[in-house]
Each structure stands twice: as C-alpha cells, then as structure tokens.
N, C-alpha and C. Protein backbone atom coordinates (compact mmCIF):
# COMPACT_ATOMS: atom_id res chain seq x y z
N MET A 1 0.82 -1.20 0.00
CA MET A 1 0.00 0.00 0.00
C MET A 1 0.86 1.26 0.00
N GLN A 2 2.02 1.17 0.64
CA GLN A 2 2.89 2.32 0.71
C GLN A 2 3.44 2.68 -0.67
N HIS A 3 3.65 1.70 -1.50
CA HIS A 3 4.13 1.93 -2.86
C HIS A 3 3.14 2.79 -3.66
N THR A 4 1.85 2.53 -3.52
CA THR A 4 0.82 3.26 -4.24
C THR A 4 0.75 4.71 -3.77
N SER A 5 0.82 4.94 -2.46
CA SER A 5 0.72 6.30 -1.96
C SER A 5 1.93 7.13 -2.40
N GLY A 6 3.09 6.50 -2.54
CA GLY A 6 4.26 7.22 -3.04
C GLY A 6 4.07 7.65 -4.49
N ALA A 7 3.44 6.78 -5.27
CA ALA A 7 3.18 7.11 -6.67
C ALA A 7 2.16 8.24 -6.77
N VAL A 8 1.17 8.19 -5.91
CA VAL A 8 0.16 9.25 -5.90
C VAL A 8 0.79 10.57 -5.49
N GLY A 9 1.68 10.53 -4.52
CA GLY A 9 2.37 11.75 -4.08
C GLY A 9 3.21 12.35 -5.19
N LYS A 10 3.92 11.49 -5.92
CA LYS A 10 4.73 11.98 -7.05
C LYS A 10 3.83 12.56 -8.14
N PHE A 11 2.70 11.90 -8.39
CA PHE A 11 1.78 12.40 -9.40
C PHE A 11 1.24 13.77 -9.02
N VAL A 12 0.81 13.92 -7.77
CA VAL A 12 0.26 15.20 -7.30
C VAL A 12 1.34 16.28 -7.34
N THR A 13 2.56 15.93 -6.95
CA THR A 13 3.66 16.90 -7.00
C THR A 13 3.95 17.32 -8.43
N GLY A 14 3.99 16.35 -9.34
CA GLY A 14 4.22 16.67 -10.74
C GLY A 14 3.11 17.50 -11.33
N MET A 15 1.86 17.18 -10.97
CA MET A 15 0.72 17.94 -11.47
C MET A 15 0.78 19.37 -10.96
N ALA A 16 1.11 19.56 -9.70
CA ALA A 16 1.21 20.91 -9.13
C ALA A 16 2.34 21.69 -9.81
N ALA A 17 3.47 21.03 -10.06
CA ALA A 17 4.59 21.70 -10.72
C ALA A 17 4.19 22.11 -12.13
N GLY A 18 3.45 21.26 -12.82
CA GLY A 18 2.99 21.58 -14.17
C GLY A 18 2.03 22.75 -14.17
N MET A 19 1.16 22.80 -13.18
CA MET A 19 0.20 23.91 -13.09
C MET A 19 0.93 25.22 -12.84
N VAL A 20 1.91 25.20 -11.96
CA VAL A 20 2.68 26.42 -11.66
C VAL A 20 3.45 26.86 -12.90
N ALA A 21 4.09 25.90 -13.59
CA ALA A 21 4.84 26.25 -14.79
C ALA A 21 3.91 26.80 -15.87
N GLY A 22 2.73 26.22 -16.03
CA GLY A 22 1.76 26.70 -17.02
C GLY A 22 1.27 28.10 -16.69
N ALA A 23 1.02 28.35 -15.43
CA ALA A 23 0.56 29.68 -15.02
C ALA A 23 1.65 30.72 -15.26
N ALA A 24 2.90 30.37 -14.95
CA ALA A 24 4.00 31.30 -15.16
C ALA A 24 4.19 31.58 -16.65
N LEU A 25 4.13 30.55 -17.46
CA LEU A 25 4.29 30.72 -18.91
C LEU A 25 3.15 31.55 -19.48
N GLY A 26 1.93 31.28 -19.04
CA GLY A 26 0.78 32.05 -19.50
C GLY A 26 0.88 33.52 -19.14
N THR A 27 1.39 33.80 -17.96
CA THR A 27 1.56 35.18 -17.52
C THR A 27 2.62 35.89 -18.36
N MET A 28 3.69 35.20 -18.70
CA MET A 28 4.75 35.83 -19.48
C MET A 28 4.31 36.07 -20.92
N LEU A 29 3.48 35.21 -21.47
CA LEU A 29 3.09 35.33 -22.87
C LEU A 29 1.84 36.16 -23.10
N ALA A 30 1.10 36.46 -22.04
CA ALA A 30 -0.14 37.22 -22.18
C ALA A 30 0.18 38.66 -22.56
N PRO A 31 -0.57 39.21 -23.51
CA PRO A 31 -0.33 40.61 -23.88
C PRO A 31 -0.74 41.55 -22.75
N SER A 32 -0.08 42.69 -22.69
CA SER A 32 -0.40 43.67 -21.65
C SER A 32 -1.72 44.36 -21.98
N GLY A 33 -2.27 45.04 -21.02
CA GLY A 33 -3.51 45.78 -21.22
C GLY A 33 -3.38 46.83 -22.30
N ARG A 34 -2.22 47.48 -22.36
CA ARG A 34 -1.97 48.51 -23.37
C ARG A 34 -1.98 47.90 -24.77
N GLU A 35 -1.35 46.72 -24.92
CA GLU A 35 -1.32 46.06 -26.23
C GLU A 35 -2.72 45.66 -26.66
N LEU A 36 -3.54 45.18 -25.72
CA LEU A 36 -4.91 44.79 -26.05
C LEU A 36 -5.72 46.00 -26.49
N LYS A 37 -5.55 47.12 -25.79
CA LYS A 37 -6.29 48.33 -26.16
C LYS A 37 -5.88 48.83 -27.53
N LYS A 38 -4.57 48.77 -27.83
CA LYS A 38 -4.11 49.22 -29.14
C LYS A 38 -4.68 48.32 -30.24
N ALA A 39 -4.69 47.02 -30.00
CA ALA A 39 -5.22 46.09 -31.01
C ALA A 39 -6.71 46.31 -31.21
N ALA A 40 -7.44 46.53 -30.13
CA ALA A 40 -8.87 46.78 -30.24
C ALA A 40 -9.14 48.09 -30.99
N HIS A 41 -8.33 49.10 -30.73
CA HIS A 41 -8.48 50.39 -31.42
C HIS A 41 -8.21 50.24 -32.91
N ARG A 42 -7.15 49.51 -33.25
CA ARG A 42 -6.84 49.28 -34.67
C ARG A 42 -7.97 48.51 -35.36
N ALA A 43 -8.50 47.50 -34.69
CA ALA A 43 -9.59 46.71 -35.27
C ALA A 43 -10.83 47.57 -35.47
N ALA A 44 -11.15 48.41 -34.49
CA ALA A 44 -12.32 49.28 -34.61
C ALA A 44 -12.13 50.28 -35.75
N ARG A 45 -10.93 50.80 -35.90
CA ARG A 45 -10.65 51.73 -36.98
C ARG A 45 -10.83 51.05 -38.34
N LYS A 46 -10.36 49.81 -38.46
CA LYS A 46 -10.49 49.09 -39.73
C LYS A 46 -11.96 48.79 -40.04
N VAL A 47 -12.74 48.47 -39.02
CA VAL A 47 -14.17 48.23 -39.24
C VAL A 47 -14.84 49.51 -39.70
N ASN A 48 -14.51 50.63 -39.06
CA ASN A 48 -15.09 51.91 -39.47
C ASN A 48 -14.71 52.25 -40.91
N GLN A 49 -13.47 51.99 -41.29
CA GLN A 49 -13.04 52.25 -42.67
C GLN A 49 -13.80 51.36 -43.64
N ALA A 50 -13.98 50.09 -43.27
CA ALA A 50 -14.70 49.17 -44.16
C ALA A 50 -16.15 49.61 -44.33
N VAL A 51 -16.77 50.06 -43.25
CA VAL A 51 -18.15 50.53 -43.33
C VAL A 51 -18.21 51.79 -44.20
N ASP A 52 -17.23 52.69 -44.04
CA ASP A 52 -17.20 53.91 -44.87
C ASP A 52 -17.06 53.56 -46.34
N HIS A 53 -16.16 52.64 -46.66
CA HIS A 53 -15.97 52.22 -48.06
C HIS A 53 -17.24 51.57 -48.61
N PHE A 54 -17.88 50.76 -47.77
CA PHE A 54 -19.10 50.08 -48.21
C PHE A 54 -20.21 51.08 -48.49
N THR A 55 -20.41 52.04 -47.58
CA THR A 55 -21.47 53.02 -47.79
C THR A 55 -21.16 53.93 -48.97
N ASP A 56 -19.87 54.24 -49.17
CA ASP A 56 -19.47 55.03 -50.35
C ASP A 56 -19.79 54.29 -51.63
N SER A 57 -19.56 52.99 -51.62
CA SER A 57 -19.82 52.22 -52.84
C SER A 57 -21.31 52.11 -53.13
N LEU A 58 -22.13 52.25 -52.09
CA LEU A 58 -23.58 52.22 -52.28
C LEU A 58 -24.14 53.62 -52.52
N ASP A 59 -23.30 54.62 -52.41
CA ASP A 59 -23.71 56.02 -52.55
C ASP A 59 -24.77 56.41 -51.53
N LEU A 60 -24.53 56.03 -50.28
CA LEU A 60 -25.49 56.39 -49.21
C LEU A 60 -25.07 57.66 -48.53
C-alpha cells in the first residue's frame, strides 16, 4: 500500500509543478492591457473604414 501512496504523491507533486509552470508561462506570454487596447483600437478603426468604403460604394 505504501508503494501506491508514493506514486500518488509523485503524481500530485508533478501535477502541481505543471500547473505552476503553465501559469508562469501564460503570464509571461499574455499581452499587456496597453497592447490589447491598441489592437482593439486598430480593429475598430479598420471596421469603421470598411463601413465607410461600403457606404461610399452604395452612394449612401
């Protein structure tokens, strides 16, 4: 029985280490708030330009 509990302990330790490593990697790779705002602003500007071009082509 002791052999099984040791394996479970190693599994739980490995799982916890993986979760910590994943959280750290996710934090390092996540874009900052400023980058997200800039990307959203660029996307909104492109949508507005597309709508302007579309309405111009319809002569509205």
